[in-house]
Each structure stands twice: as structure tokens, then as C-alpha cells.
Amino acid sequence: AAARAMTEDLSMERSRLSAILEGTRVGTWEWNVQSGE
């Protein structure tokens, strides 16, 4: 239940972040140093 709650919070957070990025027209990039992705 806690994991589901955290996942939901994270999803909401990502959604808010995506909305902010989309609204501010910010370009982003992510690099996973361990996997190289």
C-alpha cells in the first residue's frame, strides 16, 4: 500500500513536472551514469 501510495505520488509529481516543463518550454535530458541510458 505504501509503495502504491509512493508510486501515485511520484506519478503525480512527474505529471506536475511534465506540465511545468511543457508550460515553460524547457528542454531536458537525462543520463543514467550506471546504465548509460
ModelCIF file with pLDDT and N, C-alpha, C, O atoms, coordinates in Angstrom:
data_MODEL
#
_entry.id   MODEL 
#
_entity.id                         1 
_entity.type                       polymer 
_entity.pdbx_number_of_molecules   1 
#
_entity_poly.entity_id                      1 
_entity_poly.type                           'polypeptide(L)' 
_entity_poly.nstd_linkage                   no 
_entity_poly.nstd_monomer                   no 
_entity_poly.pdbx_seq_one_letter_code       AAARAMTEDLSMERSRLSAILEGTRVGTWEWNVQSGE 
_entity_poly.pdbx_seq_one_letter_code_can   AAARAMTEDLSMERSRLSAILEGTRVGTWEWNVQSGE 
_entity_poly.pdbx_strand_id                 A 
#
loop_
_entity_poly_seq.entity_id 
_entity_poly_seq.num 
_entity_poly_seq.mon_id 
_entity_poly_seq.hetero 
1 1  ALA n 
1 2  ALA n 
1 3  ALA n 
1 4  ARG n 
1 5  ALA n 
1 6  MET n 
1 7  THR n 
1 8  GLU n 
1 9  ASP n 
1 10 LEU n 
1 11 SER n 
1 12 MET n 
1 13 GLU n 
1 14 ARG n 
1 15 SER n 
1 16 ARG n 
1 17 LEU n 
1 18 SER n 
1 19 ALA n 
1 20 ILE n 
1 21 LEU n 
1 22 GLU n 
1 23 GLY n 
1 24 THR n 
1 25 ARG n 
1 26 VAL n 
1 27 GLY n 
1 28 THR n 
1 29 TRP n 
1 30 GLU n 
1 31 TRP n 
1 32 ASN n 
1 33 VAL n 
1 34 GLN n 
1 35 SER n 
1 36 GLY n 
1 37 GLU n 
#
_struct_asym.id          A 
_struct_asym.entity_id   1 
#
loop_
_ma_qa_metric.id 
_ma_qa_metric.mode 
_ma_qa_metric.name 
_ma_qa_metric.software_group_id 
_ma_qa_metric.type 
1 global pLDDT . pLDDT 
2 local  pLDDT . pLDDT 
#
_ma_qa_metric_global.metric_id      1 
_ma_qa_metric_global.metric_value   79.54 
_ma_qa_metric_global.model_id       1 
_ma_qa_metric_global.ordinal_id     1 
#
loop_
_ma_qa_metric_local.label_asym_id 
_ma_qa_metric_local.label_comp_id 
_ma_qa_metric_local.label_seq_id 
_ma_qa_metric_local.metric_id 
_ma_qa_metric_local.metric_value 
_ma_qa_metric_local.model_id 
_ma_qa_metric_local.ordinal_id 
A ALA 1  2 80.00 1 1  
A ALA 2  2 79.00 1 2  
A ALA 3  2 79.00 1 3  
A ARG 4  2 84.00 1 4  
A ALA 5  2 83.00 1 5  
A MET 6  2 85.00 1 6  
A THR 7  2 82.00 1 7  
A GLU 8  2 83.00 1 8  
A ASP 9  2 81.00 1 9  
A LEU 10 2 80.00 1 10 
A SER 11 2 80.00 1 11 
A MET 12 2 83.00 1 12 
A GLU 13 2 80.00 1 13 
A ARG 14 2 77.00 1 14 
A SER 15 2 78.00 1 15 
A ARG 16 2 78.00 1 16 
A LEU 17 2 73.00 1 17 
A SER 18 2 71.00 1 18 
A ALA 19 2 72.00 1 19 
A ILE 20 2 73.00 1 20 
A LEU 21 2 67.00 1 21 
A GLU 22 2 69.00 1 22 
A GLY 23 2 71.00 1 23 
A THR 24 2 72.00 1 24 
A ARG 25 2 74.00 1 25 
A VAL 26 2 82.00 1 26 
A GLY 27 2 83.00 1 27 
A THR 28 2 84.00 1 28 
A TRP 29 2 83.00 1 29 
A GLU 30 2 87.00 1 30 
A TRP 31 2 85.00 1 31 
A ASN 32 2 87.00 1 32 
A VAL 33 2 82.00 1 33 
A GLN 34 2 82.00 1 34 
A SER 35 2 84.00 1 35 
A GLY 36 2 82.00 1 36 
A GLU 37 2 88.00 1 37 
#
loop_
_atom_site.group_PDB 
_atom_site.id 
_atom_site.type_symbol 
_atom_site.label_atom_id 
_atom_site.label_alt_id 
_atom_site.label_comp_id 
_atom_site.label_asym_id 
_atom_site.label_entity_id 
_atom_site.label_seq_id 
_atom_site.pdbx_PDB_ins_code 
_atom_site.Cartn_x 
_atom_site.Cartn_y 
_atom_site.Cartn_z 
_atom_site.occupancy 
_atom_site.B_iso_or_equiv 
_atom_site.pdbx_formal_charge 
_atom_site.auth_seq_id 
_atom_site.auth_comp_id 
_atom_site.auth_asym_id 
_atom_site.auth_atom_id 
_atom_site.pdbx_PDB_model_num 
ATOM 1   N N  . ALA A 1 1  ? 0.842  -1.216 0.000   1.00 80.00 ? 1  ALA A N  1 
ATOM 2   C CA . ALA A 1 1  ? 0.000  0.000  0.000   1.00 80.00 ? 1  ALA A CA 1 
ATOM 3   C C  . ALA A 1 1  ? 0.866  1.251  0.000   1.00 80.00 ? 1  ALA A C  1 
ATOM 4   O O  . ALA A 1 1  ? 0.578  2.220  -0.703  1.00 80.00 ? 1  ALA A O  1 
ATOM 5   N N  . ALA A 1 2  ? 1.959  1.218  0.817   1.00 79.00 ? 2  ALA A N  1 
ATOM 6   C CA . ALA A 1 2  ? 2.853  2.374  0.849   1.00 79.00 ? 2  ALA A CA 1 
ATOM 7   C C  . ALA A 1 2  ? 3.524  2.582  -0.498  1.00 79.00 ? 2  ALA A C  1 
ATOM 8   O O  . ALA A 1 2  ? 3.685  3.710  -0.964  1.00 79.00 ? 2  ALA A O  1 
ATOM 9   N N  . ALA A 1 3  ? 3.921  1.448  -1.126  1.00 79.00 ? 3  ALA A N  1 
ATOM 10  C CA . ALA A 1 3  ? 4.562  1.558  -2.447  1.00 79.00 ? 3  ALA A CA 1 
ATOM 11  C C  . ALA A 1 3  ? 3.597  2.121  -3.471  1.00 79.00 ? 3  ALA A C  1 
ATOM 12  O O  . ALA A 1 3  ? 3.970  2.941  -4.309  1.00 79.00 ? 3  ALA A O  1 
ATOM 13  N N  . ARG A 1 4  ? 2.332  1.666  -3.395  1.00 84.00 ? 4  ARG A N  1 
ATOM 14  C CA . ARG A 1 4  ? 1.348  2.209  -4.340  1.00 84.00 ? 4  ARG A CA 1 
ATOM 15  C C  . ARG A 1 4  ? 1.139  3.702  -4.104  1.00 84.00 ? 4  ARG A C  1 
ATOM 16  O O  . ARG A 1 4  ? 1.019  4.495  -5.038  1.00 84.00 ? 4  ARG A O  1 
ATOM 17  N N  . ALA A 1 5  ? 1.101  4.059  -2.793  1.00 83.00 ? 5  ALA A N  1 
ATOM 18  C CA . ALA A 1 5  ? 0.920  5.486  -2.493  1.00 83.00 ? 5  ALA A CA 1 
ATOM 19  C C  . ALA A 1 5  ? 2.102  6.296  -2.997  1.00 83.00 ? 5  ALA A C  1 
ATOM 20  O O  . ALA A 1 5  ? 1.924  7.375  -3.562  1.00 83.00 ? 5  ALA A O  1 
ATOM 21  N N  . MET A 1 6  ? 3.316  5.777  -2.792  1.00 85.00 ? 6  MET A N  1 
ATOM 22  C CA . MET A 1 6  ? 4.509  6.484  -3.260  1.00 85.00 ? 6  MET A CA 1 
ATOM 23  C C  . MET A 1 6  ? 4.529  6.566  -4.773  1.00 85.00 ? 6  MET A C  1 
ATOM 24  O O  . MET A 1 6  ? 4.910  7.587  -5.344  1.00 85.00 ? 6  MET A O  1 
ATOM 25  N N  . THR A 1 7  ? 4.112  5.469  -5.429  1.00 82.00 ? 7  THR A N  1 
ATOM 26  C CA . THR A 1 7  ? 4.078  5.463  -6.894  1.00 82.00 ? 7  THR A CA 1 
ATOM 27  C C  . THR A 1 7  ? 3.094  6.501  -7.408  1.00 82.00 ? 7  THR A C  1 
ATOM 28  O O  . THR A 1 7  ? 3.359  7.238  -8.358  1.00 82.00 ? 7  THR A O  1 
ATOM 29  N N  . GLU A 1 8  ? 1.941  6.526  -6.737  1.00 83.00 ? 8  GLU A N  1 
ATOM 30  C CA . GLU A 1 8  ? 0.948  7.520  -7.145  1.00 83.00 ? 8  GLU A CA 1 
ATOM 31  C C  . GLU A 1 8  ? 1.479  8.941  -6.923  1.00 83.00 ? 8  GLU A C  1 
ATOM 32  O O  . GLU A 1 8  ? 1.299  9.821  -7.764  1.00 83.00 ? 8  GLU A O  1 
ATOM 33  N N  . ASP A 1 9  ? 2.136  9.148  -5.775  1.00 81.00 ? 9  ASP A N  1 
ATOM 34  C CA . ASP A 1 9  ? 2.705  10.478 -5.519  1.00 81.00 ? 9  ASP A CA 1 
ATOM 35  C C  . ASP A 1 9  ? 3.753  10.828 -6.556  1.00 81.00 ? 9  ASP A C  1 
ATOM 36  O O  . ASP A 1 9  ? 3.804  11.945 -7.070  1.00 81.00 ? 9  ASP A O  1 
ATOM 37  N N  . LEU A 1 10 ? 4.611  9.815  -6.858  1.00 80.00 ? 10 LEU A N  1 
ATOM 38  C CA . LEU A 1 10 ? 5.649  10.065 -7.848  1.00 80.00 ? 10 LEU A CA 1 
ATOM 39  C C  . LEU A 1 10 ? 5.053  10.360 -9.219  1.00 80.00 ? 10 LEU A C  1 
ATOM 40  O O  . LEU A 1 10 ? 5.517  11.241 -9.943  1.00 80.00 ? 10 LEU A O  1 
ATOM 41  N N  . SER A 1 11 ? 4.018  9.604  -9.554  1.00 80.00 ? 11 SER A N  1 
ATOM 42  C CA . SER A 1 11 ? 3.366  9.833  -10.848 1.00 80.00 ? 11 SER A CA 1 
ATOM 43  C C  . SER A 1 11 ? 2.771  11.225 -10.910 1.00 80.00 ? 11 SER A C  1 
ATOM 44  O O  . SER A 1 11 ? 2.889  11.931 -11.911 1.00 80.00 ? 11 SER A O  1 
ATOM 45  N N  . MET A 1 12 ? 2.123  11.604 -9.807  1.00 83.00 ? 12 MET A N  1 
ATOM 46  C CA . MET A 1 12 ? 1.558  12.948 -9.773  1.00 83.00 ? 12 MET A CA 1 
ATOM 47  C C  . MET A 1 12 ? 2.657  13.999 -9.859  1.00 83.00 ? 12 MET A C  1 
ATOM 48  O O  . MET A 1 12 ? 2.503  15.026 -10.519 1.00 83.00 ? 12 MET A O  1 
ATOM 49  N N  . GLU A 1 13 ? 3.775  13.724 -9.176  1.00 80.00 ? 13 GLU A N  1 
ATOM 50  C CA . GLU A 1 13 ? 4.884  14.671 -9.194  1.00 80.00 ? 13 GLU A CA 1 
ATOM 51  C C  . GLU A 1 13 ? 5.454  14.795 -10.605 1.00 80.00 ? 13 GLU A C  1 
ATOM 52  O O  . GLU A 1 13 ? 5.751  15.890 -11.084 1.00 80.00 ? 13 GLU A O  1 
ATOM 53  N N  . ARG A 1 14 ? 5.599  13.633 -11.257 1.00 77.00 ? 14 ARG A N  1 
ATOM 54  C CA . ARG A 1 14 ? 6.127  13.658 -12.631 1.00 77.00 ? 14 ARG A CA 1 
ATOM 55  C C  . ARG A 1 14 ? 5.154  14.363 -13.565 1.00 77.00 ? 14 ARG A C  1 
ATOM 56  O O  . ARG A 1 14 ? 5.540  15.092 -14.479 1.00 77.00 ? 14 ARG A O  1 
ATOM 57  N N  . SER A 1 15 ? 3.870  14.113 -13.294 1.00 78.00 ? 15 SER A N  1 
ATOM 58  C CA . SER A 1 15 ? 2.884  14.798 -14.151 1.00 78.00 ? 15 SER A CA 1 
ATOM 59  C C  . SER A 1 15 ? 2.966  16.306 -13.975 1.00 78.00 ? 15 SER A C  1 
ATOM 60  O O  . SER A 1 15 ? 2.924  17.071 -14.939 1.00 78.00 ? 15 SER A O  1 
ATOM 61  N N  . ARG A 1 16 ? 3.086  16.719 -12.681 1.00 78.00 ? 16 ARG A N  1 
ATOM 62  C CA . ARG A 1 16 ? 3.217  18.161 -12.451 1.00 78.00 ? 16 ARG A CA 1 
ATOM 63  C C  . ARG A 1 16 ? 4.491  18.725 -13.092 1.00 78.00 ? 16 ARG A C  1 
ATOM 64  O O  . ARG A 1 16 ? 4.491  19.799 -13.694 1.00 78.00 ? 16 ARG A O  1 
ATOM 65  N N  . LEU A 1 17 ? 5.585  17.949 -12.934 1.00 73.00 ? 17 LEU A N  1 
ATOM 66  C CA . LEU A 1 17 ? 6.848  18.394 -13.520 1.00 73.00 ? 17 LEU A CA 1 
ATOM 67  C C  . LEU A 1 17 ? 6.758  18.478 -15.037 1.00 73.00 ? 17 LEU A C  1 
ATOM 68  O O  . LEU A 1 17 ? 7.256  19.422 -15.651 1.00 73.00 ? 17 LEU A O  1 
ATOM 69  N N  . SER A 1 18 ? 6.113  17.476 -15.632 1.00 71.00 ? 18 SER A N  1 
ATOM 70  C CA . SER A 1 18 ? 5.946  17.491 -17.097 1.00 71.00 ? 18 SER A CA 1 
ATOM 71  C C  . SER A 1 18 ? 5.122  18.695 -17.531 1.00 71.00 ? 18 SER A C  1 
ATOM 72  O O  . SER A 1 18 ? 5.417  19.353 -18.529 1.00 71.00 ? 18 SER A O  1 
ATOM 73  N N  . ALA A 1 19 ? 4.055  18.967 -16.733 1.00 72.00 ? 19 ALA A N  1 
ATOM 74  C CA . ALA A 1 19 ? 3.222  20.125 -17.077 1.00 72.00 ? 19 ALA A CA 1 
ATOM 75  C C  . ALA A 1 19 ? 4.013  21.426 -16.981 1.00 72.00 ? 19 ALA A C  1 
ATOM 76  O O  . ALA A 1 19 ? 3.862  22.322 -17.811 1.00 72.00 ? 19 ALA A O  1 
ATOM 77  N N  . ILE A 1 20 ? 4.858  21.513 -15.953 1.00 73.00 ? 20 ILE A N  1 
ATOM 78  C CA . ILE A 1 20 ? 5.678  22.720 -15.782 1.00 73.00 ? 20 ILE A CA 1 
ATOM 79  C C  . ILE A 1 20 ? 6.657  22.865 -16.936 1.00 73.00 ? 20 ILE A C  1 
ATOM 80  O O  . ILE A 1 20 ? 6.821  23.947 -17.499 1.00 73.00 ? 20 ILE A O  1 
ATOM 81  N N  . LEU A 1 21 ? 7.307  21.751 -17.280 1.00 67.00 ? 21 LEU A N  1 
ATOM 82  C CA . LEU A 1 21 ? 8.280  21.803 -18.367 1.00 67.00 ? 21 LEU A CA 1 
ATOM 83  C C  . LEU A 1 21 ? 7.618  22.158 -19.685 1.00 67.00 ? 21 LEU A C  1 
ATOM 84  O O  . LEU A 1 21 ? 8.139  22.924 -20.496 1.00 67.00 ? 21 LEU A O  1 
ATOM 85  N N  . GLU A 1 22 ? 6.434  21.559 -19.861 1.00 69.00 ? 22 GLU A N  1 
ATOM 86  C CA . GLU A 1 22 ? 5.732  21.843 -21.115 1.00 69.00 ? 22 GLU A CA 1 
ATOM 87  C C  . GLU A 1 22 ? 5.288  23.307 -21.176 1.00 69.00 ? 22 GLU A C  1 
ATOM 88  O O  . GLU A 1 22 ? 5.334  23.958 -22.220 1.00 69.00 ? 22 GLU A O  1 
ATOM 89  N N  . GLY A 1 23 ? 4.859  23.791 -20.015 1.00 71.00 ? 23 GLY A N  1 
ATOM 90  C CA . GLY A 1 23 ? 4.379  25.192 -19.993 1.00 71.00 ? 23 GLY A CA 1 
ATOM 91  C C  . GLY A 1 23 ? 5.513  26.188 -20.135 1.00 71.00 ? 23 GLY A C  1 
ATOM 92  O O  . GLY A 1 23 ? 5.317  27.265 -20.699 1.00 71.00 ? 23 GLY A O  1 
ATOM 93  N N  . THR A 1 24 ? 6.680  25.860 -19.643 1.00 72.00 ? 24 THR A N  1 
ATOM 94  C CA . THR A 1 24 ? 7.814  26.799 -19.705 1.00 72.00 ? 24 THR A CA 1 
ATOM 95  C C  . THR A 1 24 ? 8.693  26.540 -20.918 1.00 72.00 ? 24 THR A C  1 
ATOM 96  O O  . THR A 1 24 ? 9.673  27.256 -21.123 1.00 72.00 ? 24 THR A O  1 
ATOM 97  N N  . ARG A 1 25 ? 8.371  25.543 -21.723 1.00 74.00 ? 25 ARG A N  1 
ATOM 98  C CA . ARG A 1 25 ? 9.107  25.190 -22.929 1.00 74.00 ? 25 ARG A CA 1 
ATOM 99  C C  . ARG A 1 25 ? 10.588 24.997 -22.618 1.00 74.00 ? 25 ARG A C  1 
ATOM 100 O O  . ARG A 1 25 ? 11.460 25.592 -23.250 1.00 74.00 ? 25 ARG A O  1 
ATOM 101 N N  . VAL A 1 26 ? 10.848 24.127 -21.603 1.00 82.00 ? 26 VAL A N  1 
ATOM 102 C CA . VAL A 1 26 ? 12.201 23.825 -21.176 1.00 82.00 ? 26 VAL A CA 1 
ATOM 103 C C  . VAL A 1 26 ? 12.625 22.505 -21.825 1.00 82.00 ? 26 VAL A C  1 
ATOM 104 O O  . VAL A 1 26 ? 11.868 21.535 -21.854 1.00 82.00 ? 26 VAL A O  1 
ATOM 105 N N  . GLY A 1 27 ? 13.833 22.495 -22.336 1.00 83.00 ? 27 GLY A N  1 
ATOM 106 C CA . GLY A 1 27 ? 14.380 21.254 -22.887 1.00 83.00 ? 27 GLY A CA 1 
ATOM 107 C C  . GLY A 1 27 ? 15.137 20.498 -21.805 1.00 83.00 ? 27 GLY A C  1 
ATOM 108 O O  . GLY A 1 27 ? 15.896 21.098 -21.044 1.00 83.00 ? 27 GLY A O  1 
ATOM 109 N N  . THR A 1 28 ? 14.941 19.215 -21.731 1.00 84.00 ? 28 THR A N  1 
ATOM 110 C CA . THR A 1 28 ? 15.594 18.394 -20.691 1.00 84.00 ? 28 THR A CA 1 
ATOM 111 C C  . THR A 1 28 ? 16.283 17.188 -21.304 1.00 84.00 ? 28 THR A C  1 
ATOM 112 O O  . THR A 1 28 ? 15.901 16.670 -22.353 1.00 84.00 ? 28 THR A O  1 
ATOM 113 N N  . TRP A 1 29 ? 17.320 16.771 -20.589 1.00 83.00 ? 29 TRP A N  1 
ATOM 114 C CA . TRP A 1 29 ? 17.955 15.498 -20.938 1.00 83.00 ? 29 TRP A CA 1 
ATOM 115 C C  . TRP A 1 29 ? 18.380 14.796 -19.661 1.00 83.00 ? 29 TRP A C  1 
ATOM 116 O O  . TRP A 1 29 ? 18.722 15.433 -18.665 1.00 83.00 ? 29 TRP A O  1 
ATOM 117 N N  . GLU A 1 30 ? 18.350 13.471 -19.711 1.00 87.00 ? 30 GLU A N  1 
ATOM 118 C CA . GLU A 1 30 ? 18.686 12.655 -18.538 1.00 87.00 ? 30 GLU A CA 1 
ATOM 119 C C  . GLU A 1 30 ? 19.718 11.605 -18.954 1.00 87.00 ? 30 GLU A C  1 
ATOM 120 O O  . GLU A 1 30 ? 19.651 11.000 -20.024 1.00 87.00 ? 30 GLU A O  1 
ATOM 121 N N  . TRP A 1 31 ? 20.668 11.429 -18.048 1.00 85.00 ? 31 TRP A N  1 
ATOM 122 C CA . TRP A 1 31 ? 21.730 10.439 -18.317 1.00 85.00 ? 31 TRP A CA 1 
ATOM 123 C C  . TRP A 1 31 ? 21.918 9.577  -17.081 1.00 85.00 ? 31 TRP A C  1 
ATOM 124 O O  . TRP A 1 31 ? 22.289 10.075 -16.018 1.00 85.00 ? 31 TRP A O  1 
ATOM 125 N N  . ASN A 1 32 ? 21.656 8.257  -17.224 1.00 87.00 ? 32 ASN A N  1 
ATOM 126 C CA . ASN A 1 32 ? 21.899 7.275  -16.149 1.00 87.00 ? 32 ASN A CA 1 
ATOM 127 C C  . ASN A 1 32 ? 23.352 6.842  -16.244 1.00 87.00 ? 32 ASN A C  1 
ATOM 128 O O  . ASN A 1 32 ? 23.739 6.077  -17.127 1.00 87.00 ? 32 ASN A O  1 
ATOM 129 N N  . VAL A 1 33 ? 24.154 7.357  -15.301 1.00 82.00 ? 33 VAL A N  1 
ATOM 130 C CA . VAL A 1 33 ? 25.587 7.126  -15.368 1.00 82.00 ? 33 VAL A CA 1 
ATOM 131 C C  . VAL A 1 33 ? 25.912 5.634  -15.319 1.00 82.00 ? 33 VAL A C  1 
ATOM 132 O O  . VAL A 1 33 ? 26.859 5.185  -15.964 1.00 82.00 ? 33 VAL A O  1 
ATOM 133 N N  . GLN A 1 34 ? 25.097 4.829  -14.523 1.00 82.00 ? 34 GLN A N  1 
ATOM 134 C CA . GLN A 1 34 ? 25.401 3.401  -14.361 1.00 82.00 ? 34 GLN A CA 1 
ATOM 135 C C  . GLN A 1 34 ? 25.040 2.589  -15.600 1.00 82.00 ? 34 GLN A C  1 
ATOM 136 O O  . GLN A 1 34 ? 25.815 1.744  -16.049 1.00 82.00 ? 34 GLN A O  1 
ATOM 137 N N  . SER A 1 35 ? 23.841 2.859  -16.152 1.00 84.00 ? 35 SER A N  1 
ATOM 138 C CA . SER A 1 35 ? 23.404 2.048  -17.296 1.00 84.00 ? 35 SER A CA 1 
ATOM 139 C C  . SER A 1 35 ? 23.763 2.674  -18.641 1.00 84.00 ? 35 SER A C  1 
ATOM 140 O O  . SER A 1 35 ? 23.751 1.999  -19.670 1.00 84.00 ? 35 SER A O  1 
ATOM 141 N N  . GLY A 1 36 ? 24.076 3.946  -18.624 1.00 82.00 ? 36 GLY A N  1 
ATOM 142 C CA . GLY A 1 36 ? 24.389 4.626  -19.880 1.00 82.00 ? 36 GLY A CA 1 
ATOM 143 C C  . GLY A 1 36 ? 23.170 5.092  -20.636 1.00 82.00 ? 36 GLY A C  1 
ATOM 144 O O  . GLY A 1 36 ? 23.301 5.705  -21.696 1.00 82.00 ? 36 GLY A O  1 
ATOM 145 N N  . GLU A 1 37 ? 21.960 4.811  -20.109 1.00 88.00 ? 37 GLU A N  1 
ATOM 146 C CA . GLU A 1 37 ? 20.729 5.208  -20.815 1.00 88.00 ? 37 GLU A CA 1 
ATOM 147 C C  . GLU A 1 37 ? 20.600 6.735  -20.818 1.00 88.00 ? 37 GLU A C  1 
ATOM 148 O O  . GLU A 1 37 ? 19.634 7.272  -21.361 1.00 88.00 ? 37 GLU A O  1 
#
